[in-house]
Each structure stands twice: as structure tokens, then as C-alpha cells.
Amino acid sequence: MSKPVKERKSRPVNLDLQTVSFPITAIASILHRVAGVITFVAIGILLWLLSLSLESPYGFKEASDLVSGFFVKFILWGIATALAYHIVGGIRHLLMDFGYFEELDTGALSAKVAFAATAVLSLLAGVLVW
């Protein structure tokens, strides 16, 4: 019988995610996907709220009362922040598709710029919501 060309060496496997440090570009990419999922789920919530407000004057009052609560305002602020990050991250990915910011250092810089732009947009969304 013949031996395999390469034998697999048993290598240690680190399954503790708290000790793994991801590069900032990976964090930006993962958060872009998470923001997309949040935005997708938020579409249903916002369409329900729009439908409620357009049903009748009573429905509009009910939707208005619902949105005036702190918890709902916080959720709306989170939705706006997720949408802002998804848009900023999408622009970042489009620029990378065109060949810009593909190197490690410029990719890390573009991720930091995306985080900073999202922080500014998040503050603006907070002002609009509250």
C-alpha cells in the first residue's frame, strides 16, 4: 500500500473567540453584513408602522403615541444607525470593487473612515429621532 503524499500534522485549534483578534477590515466587513440584516428586518417594522399610520386618523394617533416612547425611539435610532453604516460600508465596498483602498493600510484607513462617518451620521440620527 502506498502512503499519502502529505500526512496531516495535528495542529492546535484555538476555539476561544475572545483570544482571536480580527483585523479592522474584517470587523468592518462583518459589521456591514450585520447592519444589512438589521436593515432588512427593520423594513418590516417600518412598513408596519407606516401602514398603521395610514389606516385612519386614529391609527396615525396610535402610531404617533407609539413612536413617542423612549424604547421605540431608541430602536428607531438603532435602525437609522444600522442603515447609515450599511450605506457607508456599501460605498466603501463599491470603491474597493473599483480598485481603490485594496491594500492593507488603505483598507484599514477606509474602515476607520467608515466608522467615523457612521458615528457622525448616528449622532445626526439621534438628533432627528429625539
N, C-alpha and C. Protein backbone atom coordinates (compact mmCIF):
# COMPACT_ATOMS: atom_id res chain seq x y z
N MET A 1 0.83 -1.17 0.00
CA MET A 1 0.00 0.00 0.00
C MET A 1 0.88 1.24 0.00
N SER A 2 0.39 2.22 -0.68
CA SER A 2 1.15 3.45 -0.76
C SER A 2 0.76 4.39 0.37
N LYS A 3 1.70 5.22 0.74
CA LYS A 3 1.46 6.22 1.78
C LYS A 3 0.96 7.50 1.13
N PRO A 4 0.16 8.26 1.86
CA PRO A 4 -0.26 9.55 1.30
C PRO A 4 0.94 10.47 1.11
N VAL A 5 0.82 11.35 0.15
CA VAL A 5 1.93 12.25 -0.16
C VAL A 5 2.25 13.13 1.03
N LYS A 6 1.23 13.71 1.62
CA LYS A 6 1.44 14.55 2.79
C LYS A 6 0.57 14.02 3.92
N GLU A 7 1.17 13.86 5.04
CA GLU A 7 0.40 13.47 6.21
C GLU A 7 0.01 14.73 6.97
N ARG A 8 -1.20 14.73 7.44
CA ARG A 8 -1.65 15.89 8.20
C ARG A 8 -1.05 15.85 9.59
N LYS A 9 -0.50 16.98 9.96
CA LYS A 9 0.01 17.10 11.31
C LYS A 9 -1.11 17.61 12.20
N SER A 10 -1.16 17.08 13.38
CA SER A 10 -2.19 17.57 14.29
C SER A 10 -1.75 18.94 14.82
N ARG A 11 -2.49 19.95 14.41
CA ARG A 11 -2.16 21.31 14.81
C ARG A 11 -3.15 21.74 15.88
N PRO A 12 -2.69 22.59 16.77
CA PRO A 12 -3.62 23.05 17.81
C PRO A 12 -4.71 23.93 17.19
N VAL A 13 -5.91 23.79 17.73
CA VAL A 13 -7.05 24.56 17.25
C VAL A 13 -7.51 25.47 18.38
N ASN A 14 -7.53 26.75 18.11
CA ASN A 14 -7.97 27.72 19.11
C ASN A 14 -9.43 28.06 18.85
N LEU A 15 -10.31 27.59 19.70
CA LEU A 15 -11.73 27.85 19.54
C LEU A 15 -12.24 28.94 20.48
N ASP A 16 -11.35 29.57 21.23
CA ASP A 16 -11.74 30.64 22.13
C ASP A 16 -11.76 31.95 21.35
N LEU A 17 -12.96 32.42 20.99
CA LEU A 17 -13.08 33.61 20.15
C LEU A 17 -12.66 34.89 20.86
N GLN A 18 -12.55 34.85 22.18
CA GLN A 18 -12.13 36.04 22.90
C GLN A 18 -10.64 36.29 22.76
N THR A 19 -9.88 35.29 22.37
CA THR A 19 -8.44 35.48 22.20
C THR A 19 -8.05 35.75 20.76
N VAL A 20 -9.00 35.61 19.84
CA VAL A 20 -8.72 35.86 18.43
C VAL A 20 -8.91 37.34 18.17
N SER A 21 -7.91 37.96 17.54
CA SER A 21 -8.05 39.39 17.22
C SER A 21 -8.19 39.53 15.71
N PHE A 22 -9.35 40.04 15.30
CA PHE A 22 -9.61 40.24 13.88
C PHE A 22 -9.01 41.57 13.44
N PRO A 23 -8.56 41.66 12.20
CA PRO A 23 -8.12 42.97 11.70
C PRO A 23 -9.33 43.89 11.53
N ILE A 24 -9.08 45.18 11.53
CA ILE A 24 -10.18 46.15 11.47
C ILE A 24 -10.97 46.02 10.18
N THR A 25 -10.32 45.57 9.11
CA THR A 25 -11.04 45.39 7.85
C THR A 25 -12.05 44.25 7.95
N ALA A 26 -11.70 43.20 8.68
CA ALA A 26 -12.64 42.09 8.88
C ALA A 26 -13.81 42.52 9.75
N ILE A 27 -13.53 43.30 10.78
CA ILE A 27 -14.59 43.80 11.65
C ILE A 27 -15.55 44.68 10.86
N ALA A 28 -14.99 45.54 10.00
CA ALA A 28 -15.84 46.42 9.18
C ALA A 28 -16.71 45.61 8.23
N SER A 29 -16.16 44.57 7.66
CA SER A 29 -16.92 43.74 6.73
C SER A 29 -18.02 42.96 7.44
N ILE A 30 -17.70 42.41 8.59
CA ILE A 30 -18.70 41.65 9.36
C ILE A 30 -19.82 42.57 9.83
N LEU A 31 -19.46 43.76 10.30
CA LEU A 31 -20.48 44.71 10.75
C LEU A 31 -21.35 45.19 9.59
N HIS A 32 -20.78 45.25 8.39
CA HIS A 32 -21.57 45.63 7.22
C HIS A 32 -22.65 44.59 6.96
N ARG A 33 -22.31 43.33 7.11
CA ARG A 33 -23.30 42.26 6.93
C ARG A 33 -24.36 42.31 8.03
N VAL A 34 -23.93 42.52 9.26
CA VAL A 34 -24.88 42.61 10.38
C VAL A 34 -25.83 43.79 10.19
N ALA A 35 -25.28 44.92 9.75
CA ALA A 35 -26.13 46.10 9.51
C ALA A 35 -27.12 45.82 8.39
N GLY A 36 -26.73 45.04 7.40
CA GLY A 36 -27.65 44.67 6.34
C GLY A 36 -28.80 43.82 6.84
N VAL A 37 -28.52 42.89 7.72
CA VAL A 37 -29.57 42.04 8.30
C VAL A 37 -30.51 42.89 9.16
N ILE A 38 -29.94 43.78 9.96
CA ILE A 38 -30.78 44.66 10.79
C ILE A 38 -31.66 45.53 9.91
N THR A 39 -31.11 46.06 8.83
CA THR A 39 -31.88 46.90 7.92
C THR A 39 -33.00 46.09 7.27
N PHE A 40 -32.72 44.86 6.89
CA PHE A 40 -33.73 44.01 6.28
C PHE A 40 -34.89 43.75 7.24
N VAL A 41 -34.58 43.44 8.48
CA VAL A 41 -35.62 43.19 9.48
C VAL A 41 -36.38 44.48 9.78
N ALA A 42 -35.66 45.60 9.77
CA ALA A 42 -36.28 46.89 10.08
C ALA A 42 -37.29 47.30 9.03
N ILE A 43 -37.12 46.84 7.80
CA ILE A 43 -38.08 47.19 6.75
C ILE A 43 -39.47 46.72 7.14
N GLY A 44 -39.58 45.53 7.68
CA GLY A 44 -40.88 45.02 8.11
C GLY A 44 -41.48 45.85 9.23
N ILE A 45 -40.66 46.22 10.20
CA ILE A 45 -41.14 47.03 11.32
C ILE A 45 -41.61 48.40 10.83
N LEU A 46 -40.82 49.02 9.98
CA LEU A 46 -41.16 50.35 9.49
C LEU A 46 -42.38 50.33 8.57
N LEU A 47 -42.51 49.28 7.76
CA LEU A 47 -43.70 49.17 6.91
C LEU A 47 -44.96 48.96 7.75
N TRP A 48 -44.85 48.19 8.82
CA TRP A 48 -46.00 48.02 9.72
C TRP A 48 -46.38 49.35 10.35
N LEU A 49 -45.38 50.10 10.79
CA LEU A 49 -45.65 51.40 11.40
C LEU A 49 -46.26 52.37 10.39
N LEU A 50 -45.78 52.35 9.16
CA LEU A 50 -46.35 53.18 8.10
C LEU A 50 -47.79 52.78 7.81
N SER A 51 -48.04 51.49 7.73
CA SER A 51 -49.40 51.00 7.48
C SER A 51 -50.35 51.43 8.59
N LEU A 52 -49.89 51.33 9.82
CA LEU A 52 -50.71 51.74 10.96
C LEU A 52 -51.03 53.22 10.89
N SER A 53 -50.05 54.02 10.53
CA SER A 53 -50.27 55.47 10.50
C SER A 53 -51.17 55.90 9.34
N LEU A 54 -51.24 55.11 8.28
CA LEU A 54 -52.05 55.48 7.12
C LEU A 54 -53.46 54.91 7.15
N GLU A 55 -53.76 54.05 8.12
CA GLU A 55 -55.08 53.42 8.19
C GLU A 55 -56.20 54.44 8.40
N SER A 56 -56.02 55.27 9.39
CA SER A 56 -57.07 56.22 9.77
C SER A 56 -56.45 57.29 10.66
N PRO A 57 -57.20 58.34 10.97
CA PRO A 57 -56.68 59.32 11.93
C PRO A 57 -56.38 58.69 13.29
N TYR A 58 -57.20 57.72 13.70
CA TYR A 58 -56.94 57.03 14.96
C TYR A 58 -55.64 56.21 14.86
N GLY A 59 -55.42 55.56 13.72
CA GLY A 59 -54.19 54.80 13.52
C GLY A 59 -52.97 55.70 13.54
N PHE A 60 -53.11 56.89 12.96
CA PHE A 60 -52.00 57.84 12.98
C PHE A 60 -51.69 58.26 14.41
N LYS A 61 -52.73 58.51 15.19
CA LYS A 61 -52.53 58.90 16.59
C LYS A 61 -51.88 57.76 17.37
N GLU A 62 -52.31 56.54 17.09
CA GLU A 62 -51.73 55.38 17.77
C GLU A 62 -50.25 55.22 17.41
N ALA A 63 -49.93 55.36 16.12
CA ALA A 63 -48.53 55.27 15.69
C ALA A 63 -47.70 56.40 16.29
N SER A 64 -48.28 57.58 16.35
CA SER A 64 -47.59 58.73 16.92
C SER A 64 -47.31 58.52 18.41
N ASP A 65 -48.29 57.98 19.12
CA ASP A 65 -48.10 57.69 20.54
C ASP A 65 -47.06 56.60 20.74
N LEU A 66 -47.06 55.62 19.86
CA LEU A 66 -46.10 54.52 19.95
C LEU A 66 -44.68 55.03 19.75
N VAL A 67 -44.49 55.90 18.79
CA VAL A 67 -43.15 56.39 18.46
C VAL A 67 -42.65 57.39 19.50
N SER A 68 -43.53 57.94 20.31
CA SER A 68 -43.09 58.93 21.29
C SER A 68 -42.41 58.30 22.51
N GLY A 69 -42.48 57.00 22.66
CA GLY A 69 -41.84 56.34 23.80
C GLY A 69 -40.33 56.23 23.63
N PHE A 70 -39.61 56.21 24.76
CA PHE A 70 -38.14 56.18 24.73
C PHE A 70 -37.63 54.90 24.07
N PHE A 71 -38.21 53.76 24.42
CA PHE A 71 -37.72 52.49 23.90
C PHE A 71 -37.86 52.42 22.38
N VAL A 72 -38.98 52.88 21.86
CA VAL A 72 -39.19 52.87 20.41
C VAL A 72 -38.26 53.86 19.73
N LYS A 73 -38.05 55.02 20.36
CA LYS A 73 -37.11 55.99 19.79
C LYS A 73 -35.70 55.40 19.74
N PHE A 74 -35.35 54.65 20.78
CA PHE A 74 -34.03 54.01 20.80
C PHE A 74 -33.91 52.99 19.68
N ILE A 75 -34.96 52.22 19.45
CA ILE A 75 -34.96 51.24 18.36
C ILE A 75 -34.87 51.95 17.01
N LEU A 76 -35.62 53.03 16.84
CA LEU A 76 -35.56 53.79 15.58
C LEU A 76 -34.17 54.38 15.36
N TRP A 77 -33.54 54.84 16.45
CA TRP A 77 -32.17 55.35 16.34
C TRP A 77 -31.21 54.23 15.94
N GLY A 78 -31.40 53.05 16.50
CA GLY A 78 -30.57 51.90 16.13
C GLY A 78 -30.77 51.51 14.68
N ILE A 79 -32.01 51.55 14.21
CA ILE A 79 -32.29 51.24 12.81
C ILE A 79 -31.62 52.26 11.90
N ALA A 80 -31.72 53.54 12.26
CA ALA A 80 -31.10 54.59 11.44
C ALA A 80 -29.58 54.44 11.44
N THR A 81 -29.00 54.08 12.57
CA THR A 81 -27.56 53.88 12.64
C THR A 81 -27.13 52.69 11.80
N ALA A 82 -27.88 51.60 11.87
CA ALA A 82 -27.56 50.42 11.06
C ALA A 82 -27.67 50.74 9.57
N LEU A 83 -28.70 51.47 9.19
CA LEU A 83 -28.86 51.87 7.79
C LEU A 83 -27.71 52.76 7.35
N ALA A 84 -27.32 53.71 8.21
CA ALA A 84 -26.21 54.60 7.87
C ALA A 84 -24.92 53.81 7.68
N TYR A 85 -24.65 52.88 8.60
CA TYR A 85 -23.41 52.10 8.46
C TYR A 85 -23.46 51.21 7.22
N HIS A 86 -24.63 50.66 6.94
CA HIS A 86 -24.73 49.80 5.76
C HIS A 86 -24.50 50.60 4.48
N ILE A 87 -25.00 51.82 4.43
CA ILE A 87 -24.78 52.66 3.26
C ILE A 87 -23.31 53.05 3.16
N VAL A 88 -22.71 53.49 4.26
CA VAL A 88 -21.30 53.89 4.25
C VAL A 88 -20.42 52.69 3.92
N GLY A 89 -20.70 51.54 4.52
CA GLY A 89 -19.94 50.33 4.22
C GLY A 89 -20.13 49.88 2.78
N GLY A 90 -21.33 50.06 2.26
CA GLY A 90 -21.59 49.71 0.86
C GLY A 90 -20.80 50.59 -0.09
N ILE A 91 -20.72 51.89 0.21
CA ILE A 91 -19.90 52.79 -0.61
C ILE A 91 -18.43 52.37 -0.53
N ARG A 92 -17.99 52.01 0.67
CA ARG A 92 -16.61 51.54 0.84
C ARG A 92 -16.35 50.30 -0.01
N HIS A 93 -17.28 49.35 0.01
CA HIS A 93 -17.11 48.13 -0.79
C HIS A 93 -17.16 48.43 -2.28
N LEU A 94 -18.01 49.36 -2.69
CA LEU A 94 -18.05 49.74 -4.11
C LEU A 94 -16.72 50.35 -4.55
N LEU A 95 -16.15 51.20 -3.70
CA LEU A 95 -14.85 51.78 -4.04
C LEU A 95 -13.78 50.69 -4.15
N MET A 96 -13.86 49.69 -3.29
CA MET A 96 -12.90 48.59 -3.38
C MET A 96 -13.13 47.77 -4.64
N ASP A 97 -14.39 47.65 -5.08
CA ASP A 97 -14.67 46.95 -6.34
C ASP A 97 -14.08 47.69 -7.53
N PHE A 98 -13.98 49.02 -7.43
CA PHE A 98 -13.38 49.81 -8.49
C PHE A 98 -11.85 49.85 -8.41
N GLY A 99 -11.28 49.19 -7.40
CA GLY A 99 -9.84 49.08 -7.30
C GLY A 99 -9.18 50.03 -6.32
N TYR A 100 -9.96 50.78 -5.57
CA TYR A 100 -9.40 51.70 -4.58
C TYR A 100 -9.40 51.06 -3.21
N PHE A 101 -8.46 51.44 -2.38
CA PHE A 101 -8.38 51.01 -0.98
C PHE A 101 -8.28 49.49 -0.84
N GLU A 102 -7.56 48.84 -1.74
CA GLU A 102 -7.44 47.39 -1.68
C GLU A 102 -6.23 46.92 -0.88
N GLU A 103 -5.25 47.78 -0.70
CA GLU A 103 -4.08 47.39 0.08
C GLU A 103 -4.45 47.38 1.56
N LEU A 104 -3.61 46.72 2.34
CA LEU A 104 -3.92 46.54 3.76
C LEU A 104 -4.00 47.87 4.50
N ASP A 105 -3.04 48.75 4.28
CA ASP A 105 -3.04 50.01 5.02
C ASP A 105 -4.18 50.94 4.58
N THR A 106 -4.44 51.02 3.28
CA THR A 106 -5.54 51.88 2.82
C THR A 106 -6.90 51.26 3.13
N GLY A 107 -6.96 49.94 3.16
CA GLY A 107 -8.21 49.28 3.56
C GLY A 107 -8.53 49.54 5.02
N ALA A 108 -7.50 49.50 5.87
CA ALA A 108 -7.71 49.81 7.28
C ALA A 108 -8.11 51.27 7.47
N LEU A 109 -7.51 52.15 6.68
CA LEU A 109 -7.88 53.57 6.75
C LEU A 109 -9.33 53.77 6.31
N SER A 110 -9.74 53.10 5.24
CA SER A 110 -11.13 53.26 4.78
C SER A 110 -12.12 52.70 5.80
N ALA A 111 -11.73 51.66 6.52
CA ALA A 111 -12.60 51.12 7.57
C ALA A 111 -12.75 52.13 8.71
N LYS A 112 -11.64 52.77 9.08
CA LYS A 112 -11.70 53.79 10.13
C LYS A 112 -12.54 54.99 9.70
N VAL A 113 -12.41 55.38 8.44
CA VAL A 113 -13.22 56.49 7.91
C VAL A 113 -14.70 56.10 7.92
N ALA A 114 -14.99 54.86 7.57
CA ALA A 114 -16.38 54.39 7.59
C ALA A 114 -16.94 54.42 9.01
N PHE A 115 -16.15 54.01 9.99
CA PHE A 115 -16.60 54.06 11.38
C PHE A 115 -16.84 55.50 11.83
N ALA A 116 -15.93 56.40 11.45
CA ALA A 116 -16.07 57.81 11.85
C ALA A 116 -17.29 58.44 11.18
N ALA A 117 -17.49 58.16 9.90
CA ALA A 117 -18.65 58.71 9.20
C ALA A 117 -19.95 58.18 9.80
N THR A 118 -19.95 56.92 10.19
CA THR A 118 -21.14 56.35 10.81
C THR A 118 -21.40 56.97 12.17
N ALA A 119 -20.34 57.28 12.92
CA ALA A 119 -20.53 57.93 14.22
C ALA A 119 -21.18 59.29 14.04
N VAL A 120 -20.74 60.05 13.04
CA VAL A 120 -21.33 61.37 12.78
C VAL A 120 -22.79 61.21 12.36
N LEU A 121 -23.05 60.29 11.44
CA LEU A 121 -24.43 60.07 10.99
C LEU A 121 -25.32 59.54 12.11
N SER A 122 -24.74 58.76 13.00
CA SER A 122 -25.50 58.25 14.14
C SER A 122 -25.90 59.39 15.08
N LEU A 123 -24.98 60.32 15.30
CA LEU A 123 -25.31 61.48 16.13
C LEU A 123 -26.41 62.32 15.48
N LEU A 124 -26.32 62.51 14.17
CA LEU A 124 -27.36 63.25 13.46
C LEU A 124 -28.71 62.52 13.53
N ALA A 125 -28.67 61.21 13.43
CA ALA A 125 -29.91 60.43 13.54
C ALA A 125 -30.50 60.56 14.94
N GLY A 126 -29.63 60.60 15.95
CA GLY A 126 -30.11 60.80 17.32
C GLY A 126 -30.79 62.14 17.50
N VAL A 127 -30.23 63.17 16.87
CA VAL A 127 -30.85 64.50 16.93
C VAL A 127 -32.21 64.47 16.24
N LEU A 128 -32.30 63.79 15.10
CA LEU A 128 -33.58 63.71 14.38
C LEU A 128 -34.63 62.91 15.14
N VAL A 129 -34.21 61.83 15.78
CA VAL A 129 -35.17 60.96 16.47
C VAL A 129 -35.66 61.62 17.75
N TRP A 130 -34.73 62.25 18.49
CA TRP A 130 -35.13 62.87 19.75
C TRP A 130 -35.34 64.33 19.49
